[in-house]
Amino acid sequence: MSHITDSTRAAVAAHSSLRPFLLRMHFYIGLFVGPFIFVAALTGLLYVLTPQIEDWLYKDALYTGSTGPAHSLTDQALAAQKALDAGLAVSAVRPPTAPGGTTRIMFSDPSLGESENRTLFVDPVTLEIRGDLTTYGTSGILPFRIALDYLHRSMLMGSLGRYYSELAASWLWVAVLGGVALWATGPRRRRAVADMPASQRRRWLHSTIGLVLALALLFVSITGLTWSQAGGARIDALRGQLGWVTPSASAELAGPAVPVSDHAEHAEHTEHCGHSDPAMRENRLDQLDAVAAAARAGGLDSPKIEIRLPKPGKAWVVREYDRSLPTQVDTLAIHPDTMEITSRADFADFTLIPKLIRWGVDAHMGVLFGWPNQVLMALVAGGLMMMIVYGYRMWWARRPVAGEPLWQSWRRLSPGQRVLWAALAAGLGWSLPVLGVSLAFFLAVDLLRMRRVAA
């Protein structure tokens, strides 16, 4: 009987020492990181709700009312190059995804940022230039959403600003798990919500929203970390060691390229198109339609394809970019002389982890399963912001009350618990450097506060 009593007392002591530590840690995360998480949620909310707005804003560039047979992709690329007249090289072409759409002719512009292209929108029927806009990344978003994307990732402050979103993603999952642990170890209140005092009602709303959204918030945090700078690099390194890398098609050519003049079929295609300009042939624009046909014959059946022009001595790369369900992101490399497929990466052949990462990132962006995905992510972002507001309201109502310092709470843990939490902090600090640096800041603030109280 005494043994049972001792075990029960030990469990109660462990509980009574652990809860203040978790509570203080949760408080610090909310106080210092809460604003960053709130801004990330707000900008993410704006991003996922605006694809339709962007589609309307740039409808003149994206769509055309022209009817009739379309010109070749080569003619369209040459029309864009002539209209641009800026000495820029065509880097990629995106044919229209449906009748009534325009063709995107993309140019590499050194004055633009990373993954940005200057894009001319060409009417495939009339060769009229319908728009001249900056586009970004595989998603091909336009200036309106590019600004929102940069706002979400870096607060428009470049590489340095990206640490704000990494700080939010690094701590969000810790705050969620800590909140769930506090709810699980806290007292049970059976009073009706309407009968609760205002302070208790705020606490109930804060915890209830957190519990309802816990899994979604963990998902948002984990997928957000895959884009981060310091933590993302560690995640990529781990994926490489575990063999979880996403397959890609190689643009390398196995053997020496055969001169174009040695291929009668290619020569007939060039003559048929009527393009004999040496500069144009050197740029390979005359091969665009043949490459598109080879890609279709090779199994790329999505209407959303991007044809990337080859670098000297490299293969063409044609990829699908339809990230909705069913996901179509297959990639082919095509020899510029023979039009044979030299390499391919089919999504169906991906292992489970790269598939999950692909789906996770696309769901995070709100593009995986259409507008329901947008609504879901908007609800998650709105709930997160509401939870943070309630958390600050709780702090503001109790702000004169000085809680137990974090160091003191940690010292009250058992020796085994202290070793466990110290090892966990060290491991997470190394894996997620922004989390580690900010944790050191928390501890420094806590030490100063403890010395001030002692004085």
Protein backbone atom coordinates (compact mmCIF):
# COMPACT_ATOMS: atom_id res chain seq x y z
CA MET A 1 0.00 0.00 0.00
CA SER A 2 2.83 2.38 0.84
CA HIS A 3 4.40 1.59 -2.53
CA ILE A 4 1.23 2.66 -4.33
CA THR A 5 1.06 5.79 -2.24
CA ASP A 6 4.69 6.69 -3.03
CA SER A 7 4.13 6.14 -6.75
CA THR A 8 1.02 8.31 -6.66
CA ARG A 9 2.85 11.07 -4.79
CA ALA A 10 5.71 10.93 -7.30
CA ALA A 11 3.28 11.28 -10.19
CA VAL A 12 1.54 14.21 -8.54
CA ALA A 13 4.90 15.90 -7.84
CA ALA A 14 6.00 15.43 -11.44
CA HIS A 15 2.70 16.88 -12.65
CA SER A 16 2.85 19.84 -10.29
CA SER A 17 6.40 20.72 -11.36
CA LEU A 18 5.90 20.15 -15.11
CA ARG A 19 2.75 22.23 -15.56
CA PRO A 20 4.27 25.57 -14.37
CA PHE A 21 7.21 25.00 -16.72
CA LEU A 22 4.90 24.33 -19.69
CA LEU A 23 2.71 27.27 -18.74
CA ARG A 24 5.64 29.68 -18.57
CA MET A 25 7.08 28.41 -21.86
CA HIS A 26 3.68 28.74 -23.54
CA PHE A 27 3.42 32.27 -22.18
CA TYR A 28 6.81 33.31 -23.59
CA ILE A 29 5.99 31.87 -27.01
CA GLY A 30 2.69 33.71 -27.11
CA LEU A 31 4.14 36.99 -25.85
CA PHE A 32 7.22 37.20 -28.08
CA VAL A 33 6.35 35.06 -31.12
CA GLY A 34 2.59 35.68 -31.18
CA PRO A 35 2.86 38.87 -33.30
CA PHE A 36 4.96 37.06 -35.93
CA ILE A 37 2.51 34.16 -36.07
CA PHE A 38 -0.40 36.62 -36.34
CA VAL A 39 1.20 38.45 -39.28
CA ALA A 40 2.02 35.14 -41.01
CA ALA A 41 -1.59 34.01 -40.56
CA LEU A 42 -2.99 37.31 -41.84
CA THR A 43 -0.78 37.43 -44.94
CA GLY A 44 -1.41 33.73 -45.58
CA LEU A 45 -5.14 34.39 -45.37
CA LEU A 46 -4.85 37.14 -47.98
CA TYR A 47 -2.77 34.90 -50.25
CA VAL A 48 -5.13 31.91 -50.31
CA LEU A 49 -8.23 34.06 -50.86
CA THR A 50 -6.96 36.07 -53.83
CA PRO A 51 -6.45 33.76 -56.87
CA GLN A 52 -9.87 34.71 -58.23
CA ILE A 53 -9.15 38.41 -57.61
CA GLU A 54 -5.89 38.15 -59.53
CA ASP A 55 -7.64 36.31 -62.34
CA TRP A 56 -10.06 39.24 -62.64
CA LEU A 57 -7.39 41.93 -62.33
CA TYR A 58 -5.35 40.56 -65.25
CA LYS A 59 -8.18 39.15 -67.39
CA ASP A 60 -7.12 41.24 -70.39
CA ALA A 61 -3.68 39.59 -70.39
CA LEU A 62 -4.89 36.09 -69.54
CA TYR A 63 -7.79 35.77 -71.97
CA THR A 64 -8.68 36.64 -75.55
CA GLY A 65 -11.88 36.55 -77.54
CA SER A 66 -10.14 35.69 -80.81
CA THR A 67 -11.30 32.58 -82.66
CA GLY A 68 -9.65 30.61 -85.42
CA PRO A 69 -6.55 28.48 -85.96
CA ALA A 70 -3.63 29.20 -83.66
CA HIS A 71 -0.19 30.13 -84.91
CA SER A 72 2.71 27.86 -84.07
CA LEU A 73 4.49 28.26 -80.75
CA THR A 74 7.55 29.33 -82.70
CA ASP A 75 5.62 32.18 -84.37
CA GLN A 76 4.24 33.25 -81.01
CA ALA A 77 7.68 33.24 -79.38
CA LEU A 78 9.14 35.26 -82.27
CA ALA A 79 6.27 37.76 -82.02
CA ALA A 80 6.95 38.24 -78.32
CA GLN A 81 10.69 38.55 -78.88
CA LYS A 82 10.14 41.16 -81.58
CA ALA A 83 7.71 43.13 -79.44
CA LEU A 84 10.01 43.08 -76.44
CA ASP A 85 13.13 44.21 -78.31
CA ALA A 86 15.13 44.29 -75.08
CA GLY A 87 17.89 41.82 -75.85
CA LEU A 88 16.43 39.25 -73.46
CA ALA A 89 16.38 35.54 -74.26
CA VAL A 90 13.26 33.40 -74.17
CA SER A 91 13.58 31.05 -71.19
CA ALA A 92 10.28 29.15 -71.28
CA VAL A 93 6.89 28.93 -72.96
CA ARG A 94 3.55 28.03 -71.44
CA PRO A 95 0.91 27.25 -74.08
CA PRO A 96 -2.71 28.22 -73.28
CA THR A 97 -4.48 25.70 -71.07
CA ALA A 98 -7.82 26.08 -72.87
CA PRO A 99 -9.32 27.84 -75.91
CA GLY A 100 -9.58 31.55 -75.26
CA GLY A 101 -6.39 31.65 -73.22
CA THR A 102 -3.14 33.38 -74.07
CA THR A 103 0.34 31.90 -74.41
CA ARG A 104 2.98 32.92 -71.90
CA ILE A 105 6.39 33.66 -73.43
CA MET A 106 8.81 33.99 -70.52
CA PHE A 107 12.10 35.89 -70.61
CA SER A 108 15.04 35.74 -68.20
CA ASP A 109 15.55 39.28 -66.92
CA PRO A 110 18.58 39.87 -64.67
CA SER A 111 16.90 42.95 -63.22
CA LEU A 112 14.19 40.79 -61.63
CA GLY A 113 14.40 38.70 -58.49
CA GLU A 114 15.09 35.00 -58.12
CA SER A 115 12.48 32.77 -59.83
CA GLU A 116 10.90 35.83 -61.47
CA ASN A 117 10.39 36.13 -65.23
CA ARG A 118 9.31 38.92 -67.51
CA THR A 119 6.38 37.39 -69.34
CA LEU A 120 4.59 38.49 -72.50
CA PHE A 121 1.06 37.21 -73.01
CA VAL A 122 0.45 36.46 -76.69
CA ASP A 123 -2.88 35.90 -78.44
CA PRO A 124 -2.23 32.58 -80.22
CA VAL A 125 -4.65 33.47 -83.04
CA THR A 126 -3.69 37.07 -83.85
CA LEU A 127 -0.18 37.21 -82.31
CA GLU A 128 -1.28 40.36 -80.46
CA ILE A 129 0.65 41.10 -77.26
CA ARG A 130 -2.03 41.16 -74.57
CA GLY A 131 0.16 41.90 -71.59
CA ASP A 132 3.69 42.37 -70.26
CA LEU A 133 3.90 41.28 -66.61
CA THR A 134 6.26 39.77 -64.06
CA THR A 135 5.46 36.17 -63.16
CA TYR A 136 6.87 34.11 -60.33
CA GLY A 137 7.85 30.48 -59.83
CA THR A 138 6.14 27.30 -60.89
CA SER A 139 2.77 28.65 -59.77
CA GLY A 140 3.11 31.48 -62.29
CA ILE A 141 1.48 34.04 -60.03
CA LEU A 142 1.21 37.63 -61.24
CA PRO A 143 2.28 40.93 -59.61
CA PHE A 144 -0.68 41.20 -57.21
CA ARG A 145 -0.09 37.81 -55.60
CA ILE A 146 3.69 38.12 -55.92
CA ALA A 147 3.46 41.07 -53.53
CA LEU A 148 1.28 39.03 -51.15
CA ASP A 149 3.67 36.08 -51.40
CA TYR A 150 6.66 38.25 -50.50
CA LEU A 151 4.63 39.83 -47.71
CA HIS A 152 3.85 36.39 -46.30
CA ARG A 153 7.40 35.06 -46.62
CA SER A 154 9.55 38.05 -45.79
CA MET A 155 7.47 41.15 -45.02
CA LEU A 156 8.98 42.62 -48.20
CA MET A 157 12.41 42.75 -46.51
CA GLY A 158 14.27 40.22 -48.66
CA SER A 159 16.34 37.36 -47.27
CA LEU A 160 16.62 38.91 -43.82
CA GLY A 161 12.86 39.24 -43.59
CA ARG A 162 12.36 35.54 -44.26
CA TYR A 163 13.49 34.83 -40.71
CA TYR A 164 10.23 36.34 -39.46
CA SER A 165 8.17 33.60 -41.14
CA GLU A 166 10.67 30.95 -40.06
CA LEU A 167 10.35 32.16 -36.48
CA ALA A 168 6.57 31.80 -36.72
CA ALA A 169 6.72 28.33 -38.29
CA SER A 170 9.42 27.14 -35.88
CA TRP A 171 7.41 27.96 -32.76
CA LEU A 172 3.86 27.35 -33.93
CA TRP A 173 4.01 23.57 -33.52
CA VAL A 174 5.67 23.96 -30.10
CA ALA A 175 2.93 26.35 -28.98
CA VAL A 176 0.22 23.98 -30.23
CA LEU A 177 1.65 20.90 -28.51
CA GLY A 178 2.27 22.90 -25.34
CA GLY A 179 -1.28 24.20 -25.37
CA VAL A 180 -2.70 20.70 -25.82
CA ALA A 181 -0.53 19.47 -22.92
CA LEU A 182 -1.73 22.31 -20.70
CA TRP A 183 -5.34 21.52 -21.55
CA ALA A 184 -4.81 17.81 -20.84
CA THR A 185 -3.17 18.46 -17.46
CA GLY A 186 -5.42 21.33 -16.38
CA PRO A 187 -8.58 21.25 -14.23
CA ARG A 188 -11.90 20.32 -15.81
CA ARG A 189 -14.56 23.01 -15.65
CA ARG A 190 -18.12 21.84 -16.05
CA ARG A 191 -19.71 25.28 -15.83
CA ALA A 192 -21.69 26.43 -18.89
CA VAL A 193 -19.85 28.93 -21.09
CA ALA A 194 -22.58 31.54 -20.59
CA ASP A 195 -22.09 31.34 -16.81
CA MET A 196 -18.32 31.76 -16.89
CA PRO A 197 -16.63 35.00 -15.82
CA ALA A 198 -15.16 36.99 -18.72
CA SER A 199 -11.57 35.94 -17.96
CA GLN A 200 -12.49 32.28 -17.76
CA ARG A 201 -14.54 32.52 -20.96
CA ARG A 202 -11.56 33.98 -22.83
CA ARG A 203 -9.38 31.14 -21.59
CA TRP A 204 -12.00 28.61 -22.67
CA LEU A 205 -12.27 30.14 -26.15
CA HIS A 206 -8.48 30.28 -26.51
CA SER A 207 -8.03 26.62 -25.59
CA THR A 208 -11.06 25.38 -27.53
CA ILE A 209 -9.97 27.03 -30.77
CA GLY A 210 -6.48 25.62 -30.26
CA LEU A 211 -7.81 22.09 -29.72
CA VAL A 212 -10.11 22.21 -32.74
CA LEU A 213 -7.34 23.51 -35.02
CA ALA A 214 -4.43 21.60 -33.46
CA LEU A 215 -3.84 19.11 -36.29
CA ALA A 216 -4.28 21.77 -38.99
CA LEU A 217 -1.87 24.12 -37.22
CA LEU A 218 0.75 21.37 -36.87
CA PHE A 219 0.37 20.73 -40.60
CA VAL A 220 0.78 24.45 -41.43
CA SER A 221 3.87 24.70 -39.21
CA ILE A 222 5.60 21.62 -40.63
CA THR A 223 4.92 22.46 -44.27
CA GLY A 224 5.93 26.07 -43.67
CA LEU A 225 9.29 24.95 -42.34
CA THR A 226 10.08 23.25 -45.67
CA TRP A 227 10.35 26.77 -47.22
CA SER A 228 12.41 28.28 -44.43
CA GLN A 229 16.02 29.31 -44.85
CA ALA A 230 18.01 27.83 -41.97
CA GLY A 231 15.56 25.15 -40.87
CA GLY A 232 14.65 24.31 -44.46
CA ALA A 233 18.33 23.68 -45.27
CA ARG A 234 18.54 21.22 -42.37
CA ILE A 235 15.35 19.51 -43.53
CA ASP A 236 16.71 19.21 -47.09
CA ALA A 237 19.96 17.73 -45.77
CA LEU A 238 18.02 15.18 -43.71
CA ARG A 239 15.88 14.26 -46.69
CA GLY A 240 19.01 13.72 -48.75
CA GLN A 241 20.53 11.42 -46.13
CA LEU A 242 17.31 9.41 -45.87
CA GLY A 243 16.79 9.23 -49.63
CA TRP A 244 13.57 11.27 -49.52
CA VAL A 245 14.59 13.63 -52.32
CA THR A 246 12.10 14.50 -55.03
CA PRO A 247 13.12 12.89 -58.35
CA SER A 248 13.90 15.20 -61.25
CA ALA A 249 14.63 14.79 -64.94
CA SER A 250 18.25 15.43 -65.91
CA ALA A 251 18.97 17.86 -68.75
CA GLU A 252 22.40 16.32 -69.26
CA LEU A 253 23.00 14.68 -72.64
CA ALA A 254 24.66 11.27 -72.58
CA GLY A 255 26.54 11.65 -75.84
CA PRO A 256 27.63 14.42 -78.20
CA ALA A 257 24.83 16.24 -79.91
CA VAL A 258 24.34 15.44 -83.57
CA PRO A 259 24.35 18.48 -85.87
CA VAL A 260 20.86 19.59 -86.75
CA SER A 261 21.63 19.42 -90.48
CA ASP A 262 22.13 15.63 -90.15
CA HIS A 263 18.47 15.13 -89.26
CA ALA A 264 16.19 15.23 -92.27
CA GLU A 265 13.06 15.24 -90.14
CA HIS A 266 14.19 18.28 -88.22
CA ALA A 267 15.29 20.02 -91.41
CA GLU A 268 11.86 19.38 -92.94
CA HIS A 269 10.21 20.86 -89.86
CA THR A 270 12.37 23.97 -90.04
CA GLU A 271 11.71 24.42 -93.74
CA HIS A 272 7.99 23.82 -93.27
CA CYS A 273 7.79 26.51 -90.61
CA GLY A 274 9.62 28.89 -92.89
CA HIS A 275 12.20 29.88 -90.29
CA SER A 276 15.75 30.04 -91.61
CA ASP A 277 17.09 32.86 -89.43
CA PRO A 278 20.42 31.54 -88.02
CA ALA A 279 19.99 33.50 -84.78
CA MET A 280 16.54 32.01 -84.31
CA ARG A 281 17.80 28.49 -85.05
CA GLU A 282 20.70 28.99 -82.66
CA ASN A 283 18.17 29.90 -79.97
CA ARG A 284 16.21 26.70 -80.78
CA LEU A 285 12.91 28.57 -81.01
CA ASP A 286 12.18 26.73 -84.25
CA GLN A 287 11.93 23.48 -82.25
CA LEU A 288 9.18 24.58 -79.87
CA ASP A 289 6.30 22.82 -81.65
CA ALA A 290 8.30 19.64 -82.23
CA VAL A 291 9.27 19.54 -78.56
CA ALA A 292 5.65 20.08 -77.49
CA ALA A 293 4.55 17.23 -79.76
CA ALA A 294 7.31 14.97 -78.41
CA ALA A 295 6.25 15.75 -74.85
CA ARG A 296 2.63 14.92 -75.59
CA ALA A 297 3.69 11.69 -77.26
CA GLY A 298 5.85 10.95 -74.22
CA GLY A 299 2.86 11.01 -71.87
CA LEU A 300 2.45 14.61 -70.70
CA ASP A 301 -1.33 14.91 -71.00
CA SER A 302 -2.01 17.83 -68.67
CA PRO A 303 -3.06 21.06 -70.38
CA LYS A 304 -0.68 22.84 -68.00
CA ILE A 305 2.81 22.35 -69.40
CA GLU A 306 5.90 24.53 -69.43
CA ILE A 307 8.56 24.15 -72.13
CA ARG A 308 11.98 25.31 -70.93
CA LEU A 309 14.51 26.15 -73.63
CA PRO A 310 17.79 24.21 -73.45
CA LYS A 311 21.07 25.66 -72.40
CA PRO A 312 24.01 24.96 -74.73
CA GLY A 313 24.74 21.25 -74.76
CA LYS A 314 21.66 20.45 -72.65
CA ALA A 315 18.26 18.92 -73.29
CA TRP A 316 14.88 20.58 -73.46
CA VAL A 317 12.88 20.22 -70.24
CA VAL A 318 9.10 20.00 -70.40
CA ARG A 319 7.13 19.79 -67.16
CA GLU A 320 3.56 19.68 -66.02
CA TYR A 321 2.56 22.16 -63.31
CA ASP A 322 -0.96 21.09 -62.38
CA ARG A 323 -0.77 20.73 -58.59
CA SER A 324 -4.43 20.05 -57.96
CA LEU A 325 -5.81 16.55 -57.45
CA PRO A 326 -5.01 14.39 -59.33
CA THR A 327 -1.53 15.90 -59.23
CA GLN A 328 0.20 16.14 -62.61
CA VAL A 329 3.81 17.24 -62.24
CA ASP A 330 5.64 14.83 -64.55
CA THR A 331 8.84 16.11 -66.18
CA LEU A 332 10.60 15.05 -69.39
CA ALA A 333 14.01 15.89 -70.85
CA ILE A 334 14.06 15.84 -74.65
CA HIS A 335 17.15 15.68 -76.88
CA PRO A 336 17.32 18.83 -79.04
CA ASP A 337 18.55 16.92 -82.10
CA THR A 338 16.61 13.67 -82.08
CA MET A 339 13.49 14.67 -80.10
CA GLU A 340 13.97 11.52 -78.04
CA ILE A 341 13.22 11.45 -74.31
CA THR A 342 16.54 11.27 -72.49
CA SER A 343 15.27 11.44 -68.90
CA ARG A 344 11.97 11.58 -67.07
CA ALA A 345 10.52 11.95 -63.59
CA ASP A 346 6.93 10.73 -63.24
CA PHE A 347 4.93 11.60 -60.15
CA ALA A 348 3.46 8.10 -60.12
CA ASP A 349 6.96 6.72 -59.52
CA PHE A 350 7.74 9.04 -56.59
CA THR A 351 8.14 7.33 -53.24
CA LEU A 352 5.61 8.14 -50.50
CA ILE A 353 7.55 10.90 -48.71
CA PRO A 354 8.15 13.12 -51.79
CA LYS A 355 4.48 12.69 -52.69
CA LEU A 356 3.38 13.70 -49.20
CA ILE A 357 5.69 16.72 -49.31
CA ARG A 358 4.29 17.75 -52.69
CA TRP A 359 0.69 17.41 -51.50
CA GLY A 360 1.48 19.11 -48.21
CA VAL A 361 3.04 22.17 -49.81
CA ASP A 362 0.19 22.48 -52.30
CA ALA A 363 -2.45 22.16 -49.58
CA HIS A 364 -0.58 24.83 -47.57
CA MET A 365 -0.86 27.14 -50.60
CA GLY A 366 -4.56 26.36 -51.03
CA VAL A 367 -4.26 24.84 -54.52
CA LEU A 368 -4.52 21.09 -53.90
CA PHE A 369 -8.29 20.61 -54.11
CA GLY A 370 -9.65 23.90 -55.39
CA TRP A 371 -11.78 26.42 -53.56
CA PRO A 372 -12.56 24.07 -50.61
CA ASN A 373 -8.81 24.10 -49.90
CA GLN A 374 -8.87 27.91 -49.97
CA VAL A 375 -11.81 28.03 -47.55
CA LEU A 376 -10.20 25.50 -45.19
CA MET A 377 -6.90 27.37 -45.03
CA ALA A 378 -8.75 30.67 -44.57
CA LEU A 379 -10.66 29.22 -41.60
CA VAL A 380 -7.43 27.91 -40.07
CA ALA A 381 -5.72 31.30 -40.49
CA GLY A 382 -8.73 33.16 -39.09
CA GLY A 383 -8.99 30.81 -36.10
CA LEU A 384 -5.28 31.18 -35.38
CA MET A 385 -5.52 34.98 -35.38
CA MET A 386 -8.55 34.84 -33.08
CA MET A 387 -6.71 32.51 -30.70
CA ILE A 388 -3.75 34.91 -30.53
CA VAL A 389 -6.05 37.86 -29.83
CA TYR A 390 -7.70 35.96 -26.98
CA GLY A 391 -4.26 35.02 -25.65
CA TYR A 392 -3.14 38.65 -25.55
CA ARG A 393 -6.41 39.67 -23.97
CA MET A 394 -5.83 37.12 -21.22
CA TRP A 395 -2.31 38.46 -20.65
CA TRP A 396 -3.49 42.07 -20.62
CA ALA A 397 -6.12 41.33 -17.99
CA ARG A 398 -3.53 39.66 -15.74
CA ARG A 399 -0.45 41.69 -16.62
CA PRO A 400 0.26 43.04 -13.08
CA VAL A 401 0.61 39.45 -11.83
CA ALA A 402 4.22 38.21 -12.00
CA GLY A 403 4.40 34.54 -12.92
CA GLU A 404 7.10 32.15 -11.88
CA PRO A 405 10.32 32.64 -13.89
CA LEU A 406 11.11 29.98 -16.49
CA TRP A 407 14.47 29.15 -14.89
CA GLN A 408 12.81 28.60 -11.55
CA SER A 409 10.16 26.36 -13.12
CA TRP A 410 12.88 24.35 -14.84
CA ARG A 411 14.83 23.92 -11.60
CA ARG A 412 11.74 22.50 -9.91
CA LEU A 413 11.68 19.62 -12.39
CA SER A 414 13.19 16.30 -11.42
CA PRO A 415 16.82 15.69 -12.50
CA GLY A 416 15.68 13.32 -15.23
CA GLN A 417 13.16 15.85 -16.55
CA ARG A 418 15.75 18.62 -16.56
CA VAL A 419 18.17 16.49 -18.59
CA LEU A 420 15.38 15.52 -20.99
CA TRP A 421 14.23 19.10 -21.59
CA ALA A 422 17.80 20.39 -21.93
CA ALA A 423 18.62 17.69 -24.50
CA LEU A 424 15.38 18.39 -26.35
CA ALA A 425 16.11 22.13 -26.44
CA ALA A 426 19.64 21.52 -27.72
CA GLY A 427 18.44 19.14 -30.43
CA LEU A 428 15.69 21.44 -31.60
CA GLY A 429 18.00 24.45 -31.44
CA TRP A 430 20.42 22.72 -33.80
CA SER A 431 17.73 21.39 -36.15
CA LEU A 432 15.83 24.69 -36.25
CA PRO A 433 18.43 27.44 -35.71
CA VAL A 434 15.90 30.29 -35.55
CA LEU A 435 14.07 28.45 -32.79
CA GLY A 436 17.36 27.94 -30.95
CA VAL A 437 18.37 31.61 -31.14
CA SER A 438 14.93 32.80 -30.03
CA LEU A 439 14.93 30.29 -27.16
CA ALA A 440 18.23 31.75 -25.98
CA PHE A 441 16.57 35.17 -26.10
CA PHE A 442 13.69 33.89 -23.96
CA LEU A 443 16.12 32.56 -21.39
CA ALA A 444 18.12 35.80 -21.33
CA VAL A 445 14.95 37.84 -20.76
CA ASP A 446 13.91 35.41 -18.04
CA LEU A 447 17.29 35.67 -16.27
CA LEU A 448 17.17 39.47 -16.32
CA ARG A 449 13.65 39.39 -14.96
CA MET A 450 14.63 36.94 -12.21
CA ARG A 451 17.57 39.14 -11.16
CA ARG A 452 15.32 42.18 -11.15
CA VAL A 453 12.80 40.42 -8.90
CA ALA A 454 15.58 39.24 -6.60
CA ALA A 455 16.97 42.77 -6.34
